[in-house]
Amino acid sequence: MIVEIYLSKPVEPVGDCARFYIETNDQEFIQELKKYVCPVRLIKYLDQELEINEDILELIRLEPEQIVDLKIDLSLASEKIINDPNLSPFPTKYLEQTKHLDKYGNELPLEESDLTQKSDCAYEMQLDNLLYKN
């Protein structure tokens, strides 16, 4: 099975550097790939799997007789990350900034204790600003 992962539009001087082709028959891996909605997290997972799983092969390009069986398009999610001035384009920093997302990139449900803790922290910061303003 050949999987195509598409992360963003081609950049003119560089070409299409955000399209990956993976060949594998590992159904568990394929099902896991389908769960990802965050391109940064997907690439991190893909890199890890390519290192440890011999049944997964990254193809440099497709030969004319090869056909893509599954397409995963995360280009819209990539665009949102790139266009958001509050998010870092660097993977490590981005992952630090988005700890509120699960391993696939979905929003984690907030528990009441999380909300109280954030509210308390914000209140303390406001007090500090008032007390130490000069």
N, C-alpha and C. Protein backbone atom coordinates (compact mmCIF):
# COMPACT_ATOMS: atom_id res chain seq x y z
N MET A 1 0.85 -1.17 0.00
CA MET A 1 0.00 0.00 0.00
C MET A 1 0.90 1.24 0.00
N ILE A 2 0.51 2.22 -0.82
CA ILE A 2 1.27 3.47 -0.89
C ILE A 2 0.41 4.59 -0.32
N VAL A 3 1.00 5.34 0.61
CA VAL A 3 0.32 6.45 1.26
C VAL A 3 1.00 7.74 0.83
N GLU A 4 0.20 8.72 0.44
CA GLU A 4 0.72 10.04 0.11
C GLU A 4 0.33 11.00 1.24
N ILE A 5 1.32 11.69 1.78
CA ILE A 5 1.07 12.68 2.84
C ILE A 5 1.42 14.05 2.25
N TYR A 6 0.42 14.90 2.22
CA TYR A 6 0.56 16.22 1.60
C TYR A 6 0.44 17.27 2.69
N LEU A 7 1.50 18.06 2.89
CA LEU A 7 1.52 19.02 3.98
C LEU A 7 1.34 20.47 3.57
N SER A 8 1.77 20.86 2.40
CA SER A 8 1.56 22.25 1.98
C SER A 8 1.81 22.40 0.49
N LYS A 9 1.43 23.57 -0.02
CA LYS A 9 1.62 23.86 -1.44
C LYS A 9 3.11 23.92 -1.76
N PRO A 10 3.46 23.60 -2.99
CA PRO A 10 4.87 23.71 -3.39
C PRO A 10 5.36 25.16 -3.32
N VAL A 11 6.60 25.32 -2.92
CA VAL A 11 7.23 26.65 -2.88
C VAL A 11 8.05 26.77 -4.16
N GLU A 12 7.83 27.84 -4.90
CA GLU A 12 8.42 28.01 -6.23
C GLU A 12 9.91 27.66 -6.33
N PRO A 13 10.81 28.34 -5.60
CA PRO A 13 12.23 28.04 -5.83
C PRO A 13 12.64 26.65 -5.34
N VAL A 14 11.91 26.11 -4.37
CA VAL A 14 12.30 24.84 -3.76
C VAL A 14 11.63 23.66 -4.45
N GLY A 15 10.38 23.84 -4.88
CA GLY A 15 9.63 22.74 -5.47
C GLY A 15 8.73 22.10 -4.42
N ASP A 16 8.29 20.90 -4.69
CA ASP A 16 7.35 20.21 -3.81
C ASP A 16 8.12 19.44 -2.73
N CYS A 17 8.39 20.11 -1.62
CA CYS A 17 9.16 19.47 -0.54
C CYS A 17 8.27 19.06 0.62
N ALA A 18 6.96 19.17 0.46
CA ALA A 18 6.05 18.85 1.54
C ALA A 18 5.08 17.74 1.15
N ARG A 19 5.52 16.86 0.28
CA ARG A 19 4.72 15.72 -0.13
C ARG A 19 5.58 14.48 0.09
N PHE A 20 5.05 13.55 0.85
CA PHE A 20 5.80 12.34 1.19
C PHE A 20 5.04 11.12 0.69
N TYR A 21 5.81 10.12 0.28
CA TYR A 21 5.21 8.85 -0.14
C TYR A 21 5.78 7.75 0.75
N ILE A 22 4.88 6.98 1.31
CA ILE A 22 5.26 5.89 2.20
C ILE A 22 4.69 4.59 1.65
N GLU A 23 5.52 3.55 1.64
CA GLU A 23 5.03 2.24 1.22
C GLU A 23 5.09 1.29 2.41
N THR A 24 3.95 0.67 2.68
CA THR A 24 3.88 -0.26 3.81
C THR A 24 2.65 -1.15 3.69
N ASN A 25 2.70 -2.26 4.36
CA ASN A 25 1.53 -3.13 4.50
C ASN A 25 1.11 -3.23 5.96
N ASP A 26 1.73 -2.42 6.79
CA ASP A 26 1.44 -2.40 8.23
C ASP A 26 0.12 -1.66 8.47
N GLN A 27 -0.96 -2.41 8.63
CA GLN A 27 -2.29 -1.82 8.78
C GLN A 27 -2.44 -1.00 10.07
N GLU A 28 -1.78 -1.43 11.12
CA GLU A 28 -1.83 -0.68 12.37
C GLU A 28 -1.21 0.71 12.19
N PHE A 29 -0.09 0.77 11.50
CA PHE A 29 0.57 2.05 11.20
C PHE A 29 -0.34 2.94 10.35
N ILE A 30 -0.97 2.36 9.33
CA ILE A 30 -1.85 3.13 8.45
C ILE A 30 -3.03 3.69 9.22
N GLN A 31 -3.62 2.88 10.10
CA GLN A 31 -4.75 3.36 10.90
C GLN A 31 -4.31 4.49 11.83
N GLU A 32 -3.11 4.38 12.35
CA GLU A 32 -2.58 5.43 13.23
C GLU A 32 -2.35 6.73 12.44
N LEU A 33 -1.82 6.63 11.24
CA LEU A 33 -1.61 7.81 10.39
C LEU A 33 -2.90 8.57 10.16
N LYS A 34 -3.98 7.86 9.95
CA LYS A 34 -5.28 8.47 9.64
C LYS A 34 -5.82 9.32 10.79
N LYS A 35 -5.35 9.09 12.01
CA LYS A 35 -5.85 9.80 13.18
C LYS A 35 -5.27 11.20 13.33
N TYR A 36 -4.13 11.46 12.69
CA TYR A 36 -3.44 12.73 12.89
C TYR A 36 -4.12 13.88 12.15
N VAL A 37 -4.28 15.00 12.87
CA VAL A 37 -4.82 16.23 12.28
C VAL A 37 -3.78 17.36 12.35
N CYS A 38 -2.66 17.10 12.98
CA CYS A 38 -1.59 18.09 13.13
C CYS A 38 -0.38 17.64 12.32
N PRO A 39 0.05 18.43 11.33
CA PRO A 39 1.18 18.03 10.50
C PRO A 39 2.49 17.88 11.28
N VAL A 40 2.71 18.72 12.27
CA VAL A 40 3.95 18.64 13.06
C VAL A 40 4.00 17.33 13.83
N ARG A 41 2.89 16.98 14.44
CA ARG A 41 2.83 15.74 15.21
C ARG A 41 2.90 14.51 14.29
N LEU A 42 2.29 14.61 13.13
CA LEU A 42 2.34 13.50 12.17
C LEU A 42 3.76 13.25 11.71
N ILE A 43 4.49 14.30 11.36
CA ILE A 43 5.87 14.14 10.89
C ILE A 43 6.76 13.57 12.00
N LYS A 44 6.53 14.02 13.22
CA LYS A 44 7.30 13.47 14.35
C LYS A 44 7.05 11.97 14.48
N TYR A 45 5.77 11.58 14.40
CA TYR A 45 5.42 10.15 14.48
C TYR A 45 6.02 9.38 13.31
N LEU A 46 5.92 9.94 12.12
CA LEU A 46 6.44 9.29 10.93
C LEU A 46 7.95 9.07 11.02
N ASP A 47 8.67 10.09 11.47
CA ASP A 47 10.13 9.96 11.64
C ASP A 47 10.47 8.83 12.61
N GLN A 48 9.75 8.76 13.72
CA GLN A 48 10.00 7.71 14.71
C GLN A 48 9.75 6.32 14.11
N GLU A 49 8.64 6.19 13.40
CA GLU A 49 8.28 4.89 12.82
C GLU A 49 9.25 4.47 11.72
N LEU A 50 9.71 5.41 10.93
CA LEU A 50 10.66 5.08 9.87
C LEU A 50 11.97 4.54 10.45
N GLU A 51 12.34 5.02 11.63
CA GLU A 51 13.56 4.56 12.28
C GLU A 51 13.44 3.14 12.84
N ILE A 52 12.26 2.81 13.38
CA ILE A 52 12.15 1.54 14.11
C ILE A 52 11.40 0.44 13.35
N ASN A 53 10.63 0.79 12.34
CA ASN A 53 9.80 -0.19 11.66
C ASN A 53 10.35 -0.47 10.26
N GLU A 54 10.86 -1.66 10.06
CA GLU A 54 11.45 -2.03 8.77
C GLU A 54 10.40 -2.24 7.68
N ASP A 55 9.12 -2.36 8.07
CA ASP A 55 8.04 -2.58 7.11
C ASP A 55 7.54 -1.27 6.50
N ILE A 56 8.12 -0.15 6.91
CA ILE A 56 7.71 1.15 6.40
C ILE A 56 8.86 1.74 5.60
N LEU A 57 8.58 2.08 4.36
CA LEU A 57 9.61 2.58 3.46
C LEU A 57 9.19 3.93 2.90
N GLU A 58 10.08 4.92 3.02
CA GLU A 58 9.80 6.22 2.43
C GLU A 58 10.30 6.20 0.99
N LEU A 59 9.40 6.55 0.06
CA LEU A 59 9.76 6.59 -1.36
C LEU A 59 10.17 8.01 -1.73
N ILE A 60 11.19 8.13 -2.55
CA ILE A 60 11.64 9.44 -2.98
C ILE A 60 10.65 10.02 -4.00
N ARG A 61 10.17 9.18 -4.87
CA ARG A 61 9.16 9.59 -5.86
C ARG A 61 8.39 8.33 -6.27
N LEU A 62 7.26 8.56 -6.91
CA LEU A 62 6.48 7.44 -7.43
C LEU A 62 6.91 7.12 -8.85
N GLU A 63 6.98 5.85 -9.13
CA GLU A 63 7.23 5.41 -10.50
C GLU A 63 5.89 5.44 -11.24
N PRO A 64 5.91 5.54 -12.55
CA PRO A 64 4.65 5.65 -13.31
C PRO A 64 3.65 4.52 -13.03
N GLU A 65 4.14 3.35 -12.74
CA GLU A 65 3.23 2.21 -12.51
C GLU A 65 2.69 2.15 -11.07
N GLN A 66 3.23 2.96 -10.18
CA GLN A 66 2.78 2.97 -8.79
C GLN A 66 1.55 3.86 -8.62
N ILE A 67 0.63 3.39 -7.80
CA ILE A 67 -0.62 4.11 -7.56
C ILE A 67 -0.77 4.38 -6.07
N VAL A 68 -1.20 5.59 -5.73
CA VAL A 68 -1.43 5.97 -4.33
C VAL A 68 -2.74 5.33 -3.87
N ASP A 69 -2.68 4.62 -2.74
CA ASP A 69 -3.87 3.96 -2.19
C ASP A 69 -4.58 4.83 -1.17
N LEU A 70 -3.83 5.70 -0.49
CA LEU A 70 -4.40 6.55 0.56
C LEU A 70 -3.73 7.91 0.50
N LYS A 71 -4.56 8.97 0.48
CA LYS A 71 -4.02 10.33 0.52
C LYS A 71 -4.40 10.98 1.84
N ILE A 72 -3.41 11.56 2.49
CA ILE A 72 -3.63 12.31 3.73
C ILE A 72 -3.21 13.74 3.44
N ASP A 73 -4.18 14.65 3.49
CA ASP A 73 -3.93 16.05 3.14
C ASP A 73 -4.07 16.91 4.40
N LEU A 74 -2.95 17.39 4.91
CA LEU A 74 -2.94 18.28 6.07
C LEU A 74 -2.47 19.68 5.69
N SER A 75 -2.65 20.04 4.43
CA SER A 75 -2.17 21.33 3.95
C SER A 75 -2.91 22.50 4.61
N LEU A 76 -4.21 22.36 4.86
CA LEU A 76 -4.95 23.45 5.52
C LEU A 76 -4.45 23.66 6.95
N ALA A 77 -4.19 22.59 7.65
CA ALA A 77 -3.66 22.69 9.02
C ALA A 77 -2.28 23.33 9.00
N SER A 78 -1.46 22.98 8.01
CA SER A 78 -0.13 23.58 7.87
C SER A 78 -0.23 25.08 7.62
N GLU A 79 -1.16 25.46 6.75
CA GLU A 79 -1.36 26.88 6.44
C GLU A 79 -1.74 27.66 7.70
N LYS A 80 -2.61 27.09 8.52
CA LYS A 80 -3.02 27.75 9.75
C LYS A 80 -1.83 27.98 10.68
N ILE A 81 -0.97 26.98 10.78
CA ILE A 81 0.22 27.10 11.63
C ILE A 81 1.15 28.18 11.07
N ILE A 82 1.39 28.14 9.78
CA ILE A 82 2.30 29.10 9.15
C ILE A 82 1.78 30.52 9.27
N ASN A 83 0.47 30.70 9.12
CA ASN A 83 -0.12 32.04 9.12
C ASN A 83 -0.42 32.58 10.51
N ASP A 84 -0.30 31.77 11.54
CA ASP A 84 -0.58 32.24 12.90
C ASP A 84 0.69 32.84 13.49
N PRO A 85 0.70 34.16 13.71
CA PRO A 85 1.91 34.80 14.24
C PRO A 85 2.24 34.39 15.68
N ASN A 86 1.30 33.78 16.36
CA ASN A 86 1.53 33.36 17.74
C ASN A 86 2.18 31.98 17.84
N LEU A 87 2.23 31.26 16.73
CA LEU A 87 2.81 29.92 16.74
C LEU A 87 4.16 29.90 16.05
N SER A 88 5.07 29.17 16.62
CA SER A 88 6.40 29.03 16.05
C SER A 88 6.37 28.03 14.89
N PRO A 89 7.09 28.31 13.82
CA PRO A 89 7.17 27.35 12.72
C PRO A 89 8.17 26.22 13.01
N PHE A 90 8.91 26.33 14.10
CA PHE A 90 9.88 25.31 14.46
C PHE A 90 9.20 24.21 15.28
N PRO A 91 9.33 22.96 14.87
CA PRO A 91 8.59 21.87 15.50
C PRO A 91 8.71 21.78 17.02
N THR A 92 9.90 21.88 17.56
CA THR A 92 10.08 21.74 19.01
C THR A 92 9.35 22.84 19.75
N LYS A 93 9.51 24.06 19.31
CA LYS A 93 8.85 25.20 19.94
C LYS A 93 7.33 25.10 19.76
N TYR A 94 6.89 24.70 18.57
CA TYR A 94 5.45 24.55 18.31
C TYR A 94 4.83 23.52 19.27
N LEU A 95 5.50 22.41 19.47
CA LEU A 95 4.98 21.37 20.37
C LEU A 95 4.89 21.89 21.81
N GLU A 96 5.86 22.73 22.21
CA GLU A 96 5.81 23.34 23.54
C GLU A 96 4.62 24.29 23.65
N GLN A 97 4.33 25.02 22.58
CA GLN A 97 3.24 25.99 22.59
C GLN A 97 1.86 25.34 22.54
N THR A 98 1.80 24.10 22.10
CA THR A 98 0.50 23.45 21.89
C THR A 98 0.32 22.22 22.77
N LYS A 99 0.69 22.35 24.02
CA LYS A 99 0.53 21.23 24.95
C LYS A 99 -0.93 20.95 25.26
N HIS A 100 -1.82 21.87 24.85
CA HIS A 100 -3.25 21.67 25.06
C HIS A 100 -3.85 20.74 24.01
N LEU A 101 -3.02 20.24 23.09
CA LEU A 101 -3.47 19.30 22.07
C LEU A 101 -2.99 17.90 22.40
N ASP A 102 -3.77 16.89 22.01
CA ASP A 102 -3.35 15.51 22.26
C ASP A 102 -2.30 15.10 21.22
N LYS A 103 -1.88 13.85 21.25
CA LYS A 103 -0.79 13.42 20.38
C LYS A 103 -1.13 13.49 18.90
N TYR A 104 -2.42 13.53 18.57
CA TYR A 104 -2.85 13.63 17.17
C TYR A 104 -3.09 15.07 16.72
N GLY A 105 -3.18 15.99 17.68
CA GLY A 105 -3.42 17.39 17.36
C GLY A 105 -4.83 17.85 17.67
N ASN A 106 -5.61 17.02 18.33
CA ASN A 106 -6.97 17.39 18.73
C ASN A 106 -6.94 18.13 20.06
N GLU A 107 -7.91 19.02 20.26
CA GLU A 107 -8.01 19.75 21.53
C GLU A 107 -8.28 18.77 22.66
N LEU A 108 -7.54 18.90 23.74
CA LEU A 108 -7.80 18.11 24.94
C LEU A 108 -8.95 18.76 25.70
N PRO A 109 -9.85 17.96 26.24
CA PRO A 109 -10.93 18.55 27.04
C PRO A 109 -10.36 19.12 28.34
N LEU A 110 -10.77 20.33 28.67
CA LEU A 110 -10.31 20.96 29.91
C LEU A 110 -11.15 20.48 31.08
N GLU A 111 -10.48 20.17 32.14
CA GLU A 111 -11.19 19.80 33.36
C GLU A 111 -11.39 21.05 34.20
N GLU A 112 -12.33 21.00 35.09
CA GLU A 112 -12.64 22.16 35.92
C GLU A 112 -11.41 22.61 36.71
N SER A 113 -10.61 21.67 37.18
CA SER A 113 -9.42 22.03 37.94
C SER A 113 -8.43 22.81 37.09
N ASP A 114 -8.34 22.48 35.77
CA ASP A 114 -7.47 23.22 34.86
C ASP A 114 -7.93 24.66 34.74
N LEU A 115 -9.24 24.85 34.60
CA LEU A 115 -9.79 26.19 34.46
C LEU A 115 -9.56 27.02 35.72
N THR A 116 -9.75 26.40 36.89
CA THR A 116 -9.53 27.10 38.15
C THR A 116 -8.07 27.49 38.29
N GLN A 117 -7.18 26.57 37.95
CA GLN A 117 -5.75 26.84 38.06
C GLN A 117 -5.35 27.99 37.13
N LYS A 118 -5.85 27.98 35.89
CA LYS A 118 -5.53 29.06 34.95
C LYS A 118 -6.10 30.38 35.42
N SER A 119 -7.30 30.34 35.96
CA SER A 119 -7.93 31.55 36.47
C SER A 119 -7.14 32.11 37.65
N ASP A 120 -6.73 31.25 38.58
CA ASP A 120 -5.93 31.68 39.73
C ASP A 120 -4.61 32.28 39.28
N CYS A 121 -3.97 31.65 38.31
CA CYS A 121 -2.68 32.13 37.80
C CYS A 121 -2.85 33.51 37.16
N ALA A 122 -3.88 33.68 36.37
CA ALA A 122 -4.13 34.98 35.72
C ALA A 122 -4.40 36.05 36.76
N TYR A 123 -5.15 35.72 37.81
CA TYR A 123 -5.45 36.66 38.88
C TYR A 123 -4.17 37.07 39.60
N GLU A 124 -3.30 36.11 39.88
CA GLU A 124 -2.03 36.40 40.55
C GLU A 124 -1.15 37.29 39.68
N MET A 125 -1.16 37.06 38.38
CA MET A 125 -0.36 37.89 37.47
C MET A 125 -0.89 39.33 37.45
N GLN A 126 -2.20 39.48 37.48
CA GLN A 126 -2.78 40.82 37.51
C GLN A 126 -2.40 41.54 38.80
N LEU A 127 -2.44 40.83 39.92
CA LEU A 127 -2.04 41.42 41.20
C LEU A 127 -0.57 41.84 41.18
N ASP A 128 0.27 40.97 40.66
CA ASP A 128 1.70 41.28 40.56
C ASP A 128 1.91 42.54 39.73
N ASN A 129 1.20 42.64 38.62
CA ASN A 129 1.33 43.83 37.76
C ASN A 129 0.93 45.09 38.51
N LEU A 130 -0.13 45.01 39.29
CA LEU A 130 -0.59 46.18 40.05
C LEU A 130 0.38 46.53 41.18
N LEU A 131 0.85 45.54 41.89
CA LEU A 131 1.74 45.78 43.04
C LEU A 131 3.12 46.27 42.65
N TYR A 132 3.65 45.74 41.57
CA TYR A 132 5.04 46.03 41.21
C TYR A 132 5.17 46.95 40.01
N LYS A 133 4.14 47.73 39.74
CA LYS A 133 4.12 48.59 38.57
C LYS A 133 5.04 49.80 38.74
N ASN A 134 5.40 50.20 39.85
CA ASN A 134 6.27 51.34 40.21
C ASN A 134 5.63 52.16 41.25
